[in-house]
Amino acid sequence: MPDFTLDDALAEAYASAPADVVTLDTLEIHHPAFRDDDGLPTAIRVVNNTENIDATLEDDAPLNGGQVVTFLACGFRLQRPDVEVQASPELRFEIDNVDSRISQYVRIAAESTDVAFVIYRPYVSKDLSRPSMNPPLRLELAEVNASGWAVSAVCRFAELANRSFPSKVYTPQRFPGLVA
């Protein structure tokens, strides 16, 4: 598990729970096949809130680094990774009443052999100019279950020891010359 630091505002919010400061949990889901209407790479970005927020990403974010982006309001349940020596930490989340765009992206990811990943970023309501955790948690999407009502997922840190070598998967989509 990578080292990360909480900024002072988030540490204070966790420790004292002031009434005027809210911790905003956000999730960003990436997959190579996610494209917007213009064919450009995009991501699913949601915030556990009743209103959308515009927040600034970290400079080295994989998409739109250092830019202000919109996180769509979407109620979800989140279980942060436990800190244990024995097991691989897992982040779990469940999103109810899934937006049709999210369902579409989940289907695309499920049908692909490419790996999807999730970035967890907490923000503090009084400062949306940067994530309150540095670096944000970046995990691989390991298990996804989708129904008509909800999407639930388990995310894990990349297990490099279990990766195949060579890591390229030779498919007809990636290498059309394989098909006669």
C-alpha atoms as a PDB file:
ATOM      1  CA  MET A   1       0.000   0.000   0.000  1.00  0.00           C
ATOM      2  CA  PRO A   2       1.471   3.384  -0.942  1.00  0.00           C
ATOM      3  CA  ASP A   3       2.230   6.025   1.652  1.00  0.00           C
ATOM      4  CA  PHE A   4      -0.206   8.904   1.638  1.00  0.00           C
ATOM      5  CA  THR A   5      -0.816  11.962   3.743  1.00  0.00           C
ATOM      6  CA  LEU A   6      -4.011  13.683   4.795  1.00  0.00           C
ATOM      7  CA  ASP A   7      -4.001  17.437   4.670  1.00  0.00           C
ATOM      8  CA  ASP A   8      -4.605  19.359   7.899  1.00  0.00           C
ATOM      9  CA  ALA A   9      -8.206  20.251   7.028  1.00  0.00           C
ATOM     10  CA  LEU A  10      -9.175  16.618   6.444  1.00  0.00           C
ATOM     11  CA  ALA A  11      -7.352  15.416   9.550  1.00  0.00           C
ATOM     12  CA  GLU A  12      -9.213  18.086  11.561  1.00  0.00           C
ATOM     13  CA  ALA A  13     -12.545  17.109   9.996  1.00  0.00           C
ATOM     14  CA  TYR A  14     -11.968  13.441  10.843  1.00  0.00           C
ATOM     15  CA  ALA A  15     -10.835  14.221  14.387  1.00  0.00           C
ATOM     16  CA  SER A  16     -13.326  16.872  15.481  1.00  0.00           C
ATOM     17  CA  ALA A  17     -16.240  16.682  13.014  1.00  0.00           C
ATOM     18  CA  PRO A  18     -17.010  20.423  12.891  1.00  0.00           C
ATOM     19  CA  ALA A  19     -20.580  21.186  11.804  1.00  0.00           C
ATOM     20  CA  ASP A  20     -19.524  23.536   8.995  1.00  0.00           C
ATOM     21  CA  VAL A  21     -17.060  21.135   7.324  1.00  0.00           C
ATOM     22  CA  VAL A  22     -18.146  18.094   5.323  1.00  0.00           C
ATOM     23  CA  THR A  23     -15.871  15.399   3.948  1.00  0.00           C
ATOM     24  CA  LEU A  24     -16.809  14.713   0.325  1.00  0.00           C
ATOM     25  CA  ASP A  25     -15.852  11.236  -0.874  1.00  0.00           C
ATOM     26  CA  THR A  26     -15.329  11.011  -4.624  1.00  0.00           C
ATOM     27  CA  LEU A  27     -14.739   8.103  -6.975  1.00  0.00           C
ATOM     28  CA  GLU A  28     -13.300   8.267 -10.468  1.00  0.00           C
ATOM     29  CA  ILE A  29     -13.537   5.145 -12.637  1.00  0.00           C
ATOM     30  CA  HIS A  30     -11.243   4.768 -15.663  1.00  0.00           C
ATOM     31  CA  HIS A  31     -11.169   2.276 -18.496  1.00  0.00           C
ATOM     32  CA  PRO A  32      -9.403   2.542 -21.885  1.00  0.00           C
ATOM     33  CA  ALA A  33     -12.739   2.070 -23.691  1.00  0.00           C
ATOM     34  CA  PHE A  34     -14.529   4.957 -21.931  1.00  0.00           C
ATOM     35  CA  ARG A  35     -15.084   7.686 -24.552  1.00  0.00           C
ATOM     36  CA  ASP A  36     -17.253  10.792 -24.555  1.00  0.00           C
ATOM     37  CA  ASP A  37     -19.547  11.878 -27.415  1.00  0.00           C
ATOM     38  CA  ASP A  38     -16.543  13.374 -29.250  1.00  0.00           C
ATOM     39  CA  GLY A  39     -14.548  10.132 -28.990  1.00  0.00           C
ATOM     40  CA  LEU A  40     -12.155  11.526 -26.374  1.00  0.00           C
ATOM     41  CA  PRO A  41     -11.077   9.560 -23.271  1.00  0.00           C
ATOM     42  CA  THR A  42     -13.375  10.144 -20.317  1.00  0.00           C
ATOM     43  CA  ALA A  43     -14.015   8.816 -16.823  1.00  0.00           C
ATOM     44  CA  ILE A  44     -16.956   8.288 -14.505  1.00  0.00           C
ATOM     45  CA  ARG A  45     -16.705  10.849 -11.682  1.00  0.00           C
ATOM     46  CA  VAL A  46     -19.146  10.774  -8.763  1.00  0.00           C
ATOM     47  CA  VAL A  47     -19.341  12.454  -5.355  1.00  0.00           C
ATOM     48  CA  ASN A  48     -21.264  11.130  -2.373  1.00  0.00           C
ATOM     49  CA  ASN A  49     -23.355  14.270  -2.033  1.00  0.00           C
ATOM     50  CA  THR A  50     -26.760  15.705  -2.900  1.00  0.00           C
ATOM     51  CA  GLU A  51     -25.262  18.283  -5.288  1.00  0.00           C
ATOM     52  CA  ASN A  52     -22.615  18.123  -8.004  1.00  0.00           C
ATOM     53  CA  ILE A  53     -19.265  19.647  -7.096  1.00  0.00           C
ATOM     54  CA  ASP A  54     -16.543  21.245  -9.172  1.00  0.00           C
ATOM     55  CA  ALA A  55     -13.170  20.296  -7.714  1.00  0.00           C
ATOM     56  CA  THR A  56      -9.547  20.511  -8.836  1.00  0.00           C
ATOM     57  CA  LEU A  57      -7.683  17.269  -9.515  1.00  0.00           C
ATOM     58  CA  GLU A  58      -4.076  16.644  -8.537  1.00  0.00           C
ATOM     59  CA  ASP A  59      -1.518  17.691 -11.161  1.00  0.00           C
ATOM     60  CA  ASP A  60      -0.536  14.104 -12.035  1.00  0.00           C
ATOM     61  CA  ALA A  61      -4.090  12.771 -12.418  1.00  0.00           C
ATOM     62  CA  PRO A  62      -4.364  10.348 -15.357  1.00  0.00           C
ATOM     63  CA  LEU A  63      -7.002  12.505 -17.055  1.00  0.00           C
ATOM     64  CA  ASN A  64      -7.474  16.291 -16.733  1.00  0.00           C
ATOM     65  CA  GLY A  65      -4.571  16.682 -14.277  1.00  0.00           C
ATOM     66  CA  GLY A  66      -4.626  20.000 -12.390  1.00  0.00           C
ATOM     67  CA  GLN A  67      -7.974  20.965 -13.913  1.00  0.00           C
ATOM     68  CA  VAL A  68     -11.344  21.687 -12.339  1.00  0.00           C
ATOM     69  CA  VAL A  69     -13.756  18.857 -13.155  1.00  0.00           C
ATOM     70  CA  THR A  70     -17.353  18.096 -12.217  1.00  0.00           C
ATOM     71  CA  PHE A  71     -18.178  15.176  -9.938  1.00  0.00           C
ATOM     72  CA  LEU A  72     -21.819  14.127 -10.340  1.00  0.00           C
ATOM     73  CA  ALA A  73     -23.916  13.876  -7.196  1.00  0.00           C
ATOM     74  CA  CYS A  74     -24.618  10.238  -6.581  1.00  0.00           C
ATOM     75  CA  GLY A  75     -25.362   8.527  -3.303  1.00  0.00           C
ATOM     76  CA  PHE A  76     -23.107   5.564  -2.663  1.00  0.00           C
ATOM     77  CA  ARG A  77     -21.863   3.417   0.167  1.00  0.00           C
ATOM     78  CA  LEU A  78     -18.119   3.221   0.609  1.00  0.00           C
ATOM     79  CA  GLN A  79     -15.965   0.925   2.699  1.00  0.00           C
ATOM     80  CA  ARG A  80     -12.393   2.209   2.795  1.00  0.00           C
ATOM     81  CA  PRO A  81      -9.481  -0.246   2.845  1.00  0.00           C
ATOM     82  CA  ASP A  82      -8.553  -1.721   6.209  1.00  0.00           C
ATOM     83  CA  VAL A  83      -4.971  -1.398   7.326  1.00  0.00           C
ATOM     84  CA  GLU A  84      -3.927  -5.011   7.895  1.00  0.00           C
ATOM     85  CA  VAL A  85      -0.635  -6.795   7.456  1.00  0.00           C
ATOM     86  CA  GLN A  86      -2.200 -10.148   6.548  1.00  0.00           C
ATOM     87  CA  ALA A  87      -4.573  -9.281   3.710  1.00  0.00           C
ATOM     88  CA  SER A  88      -4.513  -7.209   0.572  1.00  0.00           C
ATOM     89  CA  PRO A  89      -6.486  -4.018   1.307  1.00  0.00           C
ATOM     90  CA  GLU A  90      -9.798  -3.641  -0.515  1.00  0.00           C
ATOM     91  CA  LEU A  91     -12.035  -0.665  -1.179  1.00  0.00           C
ATOM     92  CA  ARG A  92     -15.689  -1.561  -1.668  1.00  0.00           C
ATOM     93  CA  PHE A  93     -18.476   0.606  -2.957  1.00  0.00           C
ATOM     94  CA  GLU A  94     -22.080   0.299  -4.017  1.00  0.00           C
ATOM     95  CA  ILE A  95     -23.925   2.884  -6.114  1.00  0.00           C
ATOM     96  CA  ASP A  96     -27.740   2.765  -6.082  1.00  0.00           C
ATOM     97  CA  ASN A  97     -30.091   4.062  -8.785  1.00  0.00           C
ATOM     98  CA  VAL A  98     -27.312   4.005 -11.332  1.00  0.00           C
ATOM     99  CA  ASP A  99     -27.404   6.644 -14.068  1.00  0.00           C
ATOM    100  CA  SER A 100     -27.822   5.114 -17.548  1.00  0.00           C
ATOM    101  CA  ARG A 101     -24.412   6.479 -18.640  1.00  0.00           C
ATOM    102  CA  ILE A 102     -22.724   4.710 -15.722  1.00  0.00           C
ATOM    103  CA  SER A 103     -24.539   1.463 -16.582  1.00  0.00           C
ATOM    104  CA  GLN A 104     -23.387   1.784 -20.187  1.00  0.00           C
ATOM    105  CA  TYR A 105     -19.753   2.275 -19.123  1.00  0.00           C
ATOM    106  CA  VAL A 106     -19.942  -0.653 -16.688  1.00  0.00           C
ATOM    107  CA  ARG A 107     -21.150  -2.920 -19.520  1.00  0.00           C
ATOM    108  CA  ILE A 108     -18.284  -1.740 -21.741  1.00  0.00           C
ATOM    109  CA  ALA A 109     -15.724  -2.482 -19.011  1.00  0.00           C
ATOM    110  CA  ALA A 110     -17.254  -5.886 -18.238  1.00  0.00           C
ATOM    111  CA  GLU A 111     -16.973  -6.972 -21.877  1.00  0.00           C
ATOM    112  CA  SER A 112     -13.330  -5.920 -22.168  1.00  0.00           C
ATOM    113  CA  THR A 113     -10.123  -7.681 -21.161  1.00  0.00           C
ATOM    114  CA  ASP A 114      -8.496  -4.341 -20.285  1.00  0.00           C
ATOM    115  CA  VAL A 115      -8.156  -3.413 -16.628  1.00  0.00           C
ATOM    116  CA  ALA A 116     -10.340  -0.673 -15.163  1.00  0.00           C
ATOM    117  CA  PHE A 117      -9.157   1.301 -12.174  1.00  0.00           C
ATOM    118  CA  VAL A 118     -10.729   3.492  -9.511  1.00  0.00           C
ATOM    119  CA  ILE A 119      -9.329   6.597  -7.850  1.00  0.00           C
ATOM    120  CA  TYR A 120     -10.658   7.506  -4.401  1.00  0.00           C
ATOM    121  CA  ARG A 121     -10.217  11.171  -3.486  1.00  0.00           C
ATOM    122  CA  PRO A 122     -11.664  12.796  -0.382  1.00  0.00           C
ATOM    123  CA  TYR A 123     -12.213  16.567  -0.477  1.00  0.00           C
ATOM    124  CA  VAL A 124     -13.106  18.933   2.355  1.00  0.00           C
ATOM    125  CA  SER A 125     -16.149  21.090   1.611  1.00  0.00           C
ATOM    126  CA  LYS A 126     -14.343  24.317   2.519  1.00  0.00           C
ATOM    127  CA  ASP A 127     -11.458  23.647   0.068  1.00  0.00           C
ATOM    128  CA  LEU A 128     -12.138  22.016  -3.297  1.00  0.00           C
ATOM    129  CA  SER A 129      -8.868  23.306  -4.784  1.00  0.00           C
ATOM    130  CA  ARG A 130      -7.116  19.960  -4.262  1.00  0.00           C
ATOM    131  CA  PRO A 131      -7.812  16.455  -2.948  1.00  0.00           C
ATOM    132  CA  SER A 132      -7.304  16.124   0.797  1.00  0.00           C
ATOM    133  CA  MET A 133      -5.282  12.916   0.434  1.00  0.00           C
ATOM    134  CA  ASN A 134      -1.932  12.930  -1.321  1.00  0.00           C
ATOM    135  CA  PRO A 135      -1.643  10.835  -3.361  1.00  0.00           C
ATOM    136  CA  PRO A 136      -5.229   9.682  -3.831  1.00  0.00           C
ATOM    137  CA  LEU A 137      -5.813   5.925  -3.651  1.00  0.00           C
ATOM    138  CA  ARG A 138      -5.575   4.263  -7.054  1.00  0.00           C
ATOM    139  CA  LEU A 139      -6.880   0.708  -7.182  1.00  0.00           C
ATOM    140  CA  GLU A 140      -7.771  -1.870  -9.802  1.00  0.00           C
ATOM    141  CA  LEU A 141     -11.419  -2.718 -10.259  1.00  0.00           C
ATOM    142  CA  ALA A 142     -11.431  -6.409  -9.341  1.00  0.00           C
ATOM    143  CA  GLU A 143     -15.055  -7.471  -9.048  1.00  0.00           C
ATOM    144  CA  VAL A 144     -18.162  -5.769 -10.401  1.00  0.00           C
ATOM    145  CA  ASN A 145     -21.786  -6.780  -9.963  1.00  0.00           C
ATOM    146  CA  ALA A 146     -24.477  -4.819 -11.756  1.00  0.00           C
ATOM    147  CA  SER A 147     -28.215  -5.110 -11.505  1.00  0.00           C
ATOM    148  CA  GLY A 148     -30.990  -2.871 -12.724  1.00  0.00           C
ATOM    149  CA  TRP A 149     -30.819  -0.994  -9.443  1.00  0.00           C
ATOM    150  CA  ALA A 150     -27.208  -0.853  -8.322  1.00  0.00           C
ATOM    151  CA  VAL A 151     -23.569  -1.416  -9.138  1.00  0.00           C
ATOM    152  CA  SER A 152     -21.294  -2.854  -6.483  1.00  0.00           C
ATOM    153  CA  ALA A 153     -17.553  -3.267  -6.793  1.00  0.00           C
ATOM    154  CA  VAL A 154     -14.438  -4.451  -5.013  1.00  0.00           C
ATOM    155  CA  CYS A 155     -11.165  -2.659  -5.763  1.00  0.00           C
ATOM    156  CA  ARG A 156      -7.675  -3.868  -4.891  1.00  0.00           C
ATOM    157  CA  PHE A 157      -4.138  -2.615  -5.225  1.00  0.00           C
ATOM    158  CA  ALA A 158      -2.377  -3.970  -8.304  1.00  0.00           C
ATOM    159  CA  GLU A 159      -0.911  -7.394  -7.668  1.00  0.00           C
ATOM    160  CA  LEU A 160       2.201  -7.261  -9.789  1.00  0.00           C
ATOM    161  CA  ALA A 161       3.368 -10.715  -8.703  1.00  0.00           C
ATOM    162  CA  ASN A 162       0.265 -12.283 -10.264  1.00  0.00           C
ATOM    163  CA  ARG A 163       0.547 -10.499 -13.610  1.00  0.00           C
ATOM    164  CA  SER A 164       1.299 -12.537 -16.677  1.00  0.00           C
ATOM    165  CA  PHE A 165       4.464 -11.986 -18.641  1.00  0.00           C
ATOM    166  CA  PRO A 166       4.468 -10.779 -21.307  1.00  0.00           C
ATOM    167  CA  SER A 167       1.518  -8.668 -20.237  1.00  0.00           C
ATOM    168  CA  LYS A 168       0.079  -7.939 -23.663  1.00  0.00           C
ATOM    169  CA  VAL A 169      -3.010  -9.902 -24.589  1.00  0.00           C
ATOM    170  CA  TYR A 170      -3.071 -10.576 -28.296  1.00  0.00           C
ATOM    171  CA  THR A 171      -6.665 -10.155 -29.422  1.00  0.00           C
ATOM    172  CA  PRO A 172      -8.153  -9.604 -32.882  1.00  0.00           C
ATOM    173  CA  GLN A 173      -9.323  -6.144 -31.758  1.00  0.00           C
ATOM    174  CA  ARG A 174      -5.773  -5.050 -30.895  1.00  0.00           C
ATOM    175  CA  PHE A 175      -4.029  -6.995 -33.654  1.00  0.00           C
ATOM    176  CA  PRO A 176      -6.345  -7.359 -36.666  1.00  0.00           C
ATOM    177  CA  GLY A 177      -3.648  -9.290 -38.573  1.00  0.00           C
ATOM    178  CA  LEU A 178      -4.330 -12.314 -36.346  1.00  0.00           C
ATOM    179  CA  VAL A 179      -7.655 -12.917 -38.098  1.00  0.00           C
ATOM    180  CA  ALA A 180      -7.474 -14.737 -41.406  1.00  0.00           C
END
